[in-house]
Amino acid sequence: MNELAGQPGVARFRELSADELIEISRISLNFAYNFAEPPAPRIRWGLTDFLAHARFPLARTDACDKWRCRCLSIDNYSRFIAERTIAEPGGLSAVTVAKVIGYCLEIAEVTAEQMVRSGRQTDLSGDVLLEEITRLRSLYRKKLGELSPWLHFYISVRHPVVRHGINNAMINRWGCRE
């Protein structure tokens, strides 16, 4: 177990427990994402593999775990994820980080489906999808407020493990223009 630069009060890096890995493996994803490093990974990492290799301090439990929240959604996101503290070391548990990643990828999938279905986008890539999520966040910011899934997406990517996981999954799924 490595300690973060010996700073007092800062969570330590640690290996995930078997129980955490089991809970993470139960999180439903809409696609068989590869979380390995893009653009052309030689290996295939599932969500448990990715989180087992995370080197950002994660809590053992948090409010989401204590209240036994099965998944994050538009309705409960703001109850469990604090915008102000999302990126603090040791603030979220590995299981909650996995739920946040799953929720963000669900937002990306729905947004991608809408783009393709509307005929506006035929050659979808991860960066084009991020541009659309940004556009929708701005467009619906006042109408939806804290119930905006696109705002939730941008709050979530402040957490370094969430951002890295979403980036890997989206580039491996949809590619990138550049």
Protein backbone atom coordinates (compact mmCIF):
# COMPACT_ATOMS: atom_id res chain seq x y z
CA MET A 1 0.00 0.00 0.00
CA ASN A 2 1.46 3.34 -1.03
CA GLU A 3 0.83 6.51 0.90
CA LEU A 4 0.11 9.77 -0.84
CA ALA A 5 3.28 11.81 -0.22
CA GLY A 6 2.95 11.27 3.53
CA GLN A 7 0.29 13.97 3.84
CA PRO A 8 -1.65 13.63 7.09
CA GLY A 9 -5.38 13.05 6.69
CA VAL A 10 -5.13 12.08 3.02
CA ALA A 11 -6.49 8.70 2.00
CA ARG A 12 -4.03 6.03 0.91
CA PHE A 13 -3.89 4.03 -2.27
CA ARG A 14 -5.12 0.54 -1.61
CA GLU A 15 -6.09 -2.64 -3.33
CA LEU A 16 -9.79 -3.20 -3.75
CA SER A 17 -11.36 -5.90 -1.62
CA ALA A 18 -13.04 -8.96 -3.08
CA ASP A 19 -16.42 -7.57 -1.95
CA GLU A 20 -15.78 -4.29 -3.77
CA LEU A 21 -14.77 -6.12 -6.95
CA ILE A 22 -17.93 -8.24 -6.78
CA GLU A 23 -20.11 -5.14 -6.29
CA ILE A 24 -18.41 -3.38 -9.20
CA SER A 25 -18.88 -6.41 -11.45
CA ARG A 26 -22.63 -6.27 -10.74
CA ILE A 27 -22.94 -2.77 -12.20
CA SER A 28 -24.85 -2.96 -15.44
CA LEU A 29 -23.39 -1.23 -18.50
CA ASN A 30 -25.28 -0.82 -21.79
CA PHE A 31 -22.27 -1.87 -23.85
CA ALA A 32 -19.21 -4.12 -23.40
CA TYR A 33 -16.86 -1.16 -22.95
CA ASN A 34 -13.10 -1.57 -23.00
CA PHE A 35 -11.57 0.58 -20.27
CA ALA A 36 -7.96 -0.11 -21.33
CA GLU A 37 -5.80 2.76 -22.53
CA PRO A 38 -6.84 3.88 -26.06
CA PRO A 39 -6.50 4.35 -28.97
CA ALA A 40 -5.59 0.74 -29.86
CA PRO A 41 -5.46 -1.27 -26.64
CA ARG A 42 -3.88 -4.67 -26.88
CA ILE A 43 -5.74 -5.82 -23.81
CA ARG A 44 -9.38 -5.67 -22.78
CA TRP A 45 -10.22 -4.24 -19.39
CA GLY A 46 -13.63 -4.37 -17.83
CA LEU A 47 -14.71 -1.86 -15.21
CA THR A 48 -13.32 -3.99 -12.36
CA ASP A 49 -9.90 -4.24 -14.05
CA PHE A 50 -9.84 -0.50 -14.62
CA LEU A 51 -10.74 0.37 -11.03
CA ALA A 52 -8.35 -2.22 -9.63
CA HIS A 53 -5.55 -0.28 -11.36
CA ALA A 54 -6.73 3.20 -10.28
CA ARG A 55 -4.10 5.18 -8.41
CA PHE A 56 -6.30 7.89 -6.95
CA PRO A 57 -7.31 7.45 -3.31
CA LEU A 58 -10.78 5.96 -2.99
CA ALA A 59 -12.84 5.68 0.19
CA ARG A 60 -13.89 2.32 1.58
CA THR A 61 -17.50 3.54 1.89
CA ASP A 62 -19.45 6.71 1.25
CA ALA A 63 -23.06 7.89 1.45
CA CYS A 64 -24.02 6.03 -1.72
CA ASP A 65 -22.80 2.77 -0.17
CA LYS A 66 -24.28 3.43 3.26
CA TRP A 67 -27.72 4.16 1.81
CA ARG A 68 -27.39 1.12 -0.50
CA CYS A 69 -28.03 3.09 -3.65
CA ARG A 70 -28.10 0.50 -6.44
CA CYS A 71 -27.44 2.94 -9.29
CA LEU A 72 -27.26 6.65 -9.98
CA SER A 73 -29.95 8.41 -11.98
CA ILE A 74 -31.29 11.86 -12.74
CA ASP A 75 -33.48 11.60 -9.64
CA ASN A 76 -30.85 10.66 -7.05
CA TYR A 77 -27.51 11.93 -8.43
CA SER A 78 -27.50 15.15 -6.39
CA ARG A 79 -28.33 13.26 -3.19
CA PHE A 80 -25.15 11.19 -3.38
CA ILE A 81 -22.66 13.20 -5.43
CA ALA A 82 -21.54 16.58 -4.10
CA GLU A 83 -20.40 18.91 -6.87
CA ARG A 84 -18.14 20.81 -4.49
CA THR A 85 -16.21 17.77 -3.24
CA ILE A 86 -16.39 15.19 -6.03
CA ALA A 87 -12.67 15.39 -6.84
CA GLU A 88 -11.38 15.20 -3.27
CA PRO A 89 -9.03 12.26 -2.63
CA GLY A 90 -10.84 9.58 -0.65
CA GLY A 91 -14.23 11.25 -1.11
CA LEU A 92 -15.92 8.51 -3.16
CA SER A 93 -15.67 4.76 -2.83
CA ALA A 94 -14.59 2.53 -5.70
CA VAL A 95 -18.11 1.15 -5.99
CA THR A 96 -19.59 4.64 -6.21
CA VAL A 97 -16.98 5.66 -8.79
CA ALA A 98 -18.06 2.63 -10.84
CA LYS A 99 -21.71 3.70 -10.54
CA VAL A 100 -20.81 7.24 -11.62
CA ILE A 101 -18.91 5.89 -14.64
CA GLY A 102 -21.88 3.66 -15.54
CA TYR A 103 -24.31 6.58 -15.24
CA CYS A 104 -22.10 8.85 -17.38
CA LEU A 105 -21.73 6.20 -20.06
CA GLU A 106 -25.51 5.78 -20.06
CA ILE A 107 -25.83 9.54 -20.66
CA ALA A 108 -23.30 9.25 -23.50
CA GLU A 109 -25.17 6.30 -25.05
CA VAL A 110 -28.54 8.03 -24.96
CA THR A 111 -27.04 11.22 -26.39
CA ALA A 112 -25.33 9.22 -29.17
CA GLU A 113 -28.58 7.42 -30.00
CA GLN A 114 -30.42 10.75 -30.23
CA MET A 115 -27.75 12.19 -32.51
CA VAL A 116 -27.87 9.21 -34.88
CA ARG A 117 -31.68 8.88 -34.79
CA SER A 118 -32.16 12.56 -35.61
CA GLY A 119 -29.91 12.15 -38.65
CA ARG A 120 -27.71 15.03 -37.51
CA GLN A 121 -24.71 12.77 -37.04
CA THR A 122 -23.77 9.83 -39.23
CA ASP A 123 -20.04 9.64 -38.44
CA LEU A 124 -20.09 9.69 -34.65
CA SER A 125 -16.85 9.93 -32.66
CA GLY A 126 -16.12 10.37 -28.98
CA ASP A 127 -15.06 13.99 -29.34
CA VAL A 128 -18.17 14.88 -31.39
CA LEU A 129 -20.27 13.22 -28.70
CA LEU A 130 -18.55 15.29 -25.99
CA GLU A 131 -19.25 18.45 -27.99
CA GLU A 132 -22.95 17.49 -28.10
CA ILE A 133 -23.03 16.78 -24.34
CA THR A 134 -21.47 20.23 -23.79
CA ARG A 135 -24.05 21.85 -26.08
CA LEU A 136 -26.95 20.13 -24.31
CA ARG A 137 -25.58 21.06 -20.88
CA SER A 138 -25.56 24.73 -21.91
CA LEU A 139 -28.91 24.56 -23.68
CA TYR A 140 -30.80 22.95 -20.77
CA ARG A 141 -28.84 24.38 -17.83
CA LYS A 142 -31.59 26.78 -16.71
CA LYS A 143 -34.56 24.58 -17.63
CA LEU A 144 -33.36 21.43 -15.88
CA GLY A 145 -30.99 22.82 -13.23
CA GLU A 146 -29.63 20.06 -11.02
CA LEU A 147 -31.75 17.49 -12.88
CA SER A 148 -29.70 17.86 -16.07
CA PRO A 149 -27.93 14.61 -16.94
CA TRP A 150 -25.44 16.56 -19.07
CA LEU A 151 -24.58 18.72 -16.06
CA HIS A 152 -24.16 15.51 -14.02
CA PHE A 153 -21.76 14.27 -16.70
CA TYR A 154 -19.58 17.38 -16.39
CA ILE A 155 -19.66 17.35 -12.61
CA SER A 156 -18.62 13.69 -12.66
CA VAL A 157 -15.60 14.12 -14.93
CA ARG A 158 -14.01 16.37 -12.30
CA HIS A 159 -13.11 13.13 -10.51
CA PRO A 160 -9.86 11.91 -12.12
CA VAL A 161 -10.75 8.21 -12.12
CA VAL A 162 -14.19 8.88 -13.58
CA ARG A 163 -12.70 11.15 -16.27
CA HIS A 164 -10.04 8.58 -17.20
CA GLY A 165 -12.55 5.71 -17.31
CA ILE A 166 -15.07 7.62 -19.42
CA ASN A 167 -12.33 8.83 -21.77
CA ASN A 168 -11.00 5.30 -22.31
CA ALA A 169 -14.46 3.80 -22.78
CA MET A 170 -15.69 6.50 -25.17
CA ILE A 171 -12.58 6.52 -27.36
CA ASN A 172 -12.52 2.72 -27.52
CA ARG A 173 -16.27 2.68 -28.34
CA TRP A 174 -16.62 5.60 -30.76
CA GLY A 175 -13.05 6.54 -31.69
CA CYS A 176 -11.76 10.07 -32.06
CA ARG A 177 -11.52 12.43 -35.03
CA GLU A 178 -7.89 13.34 -34.34
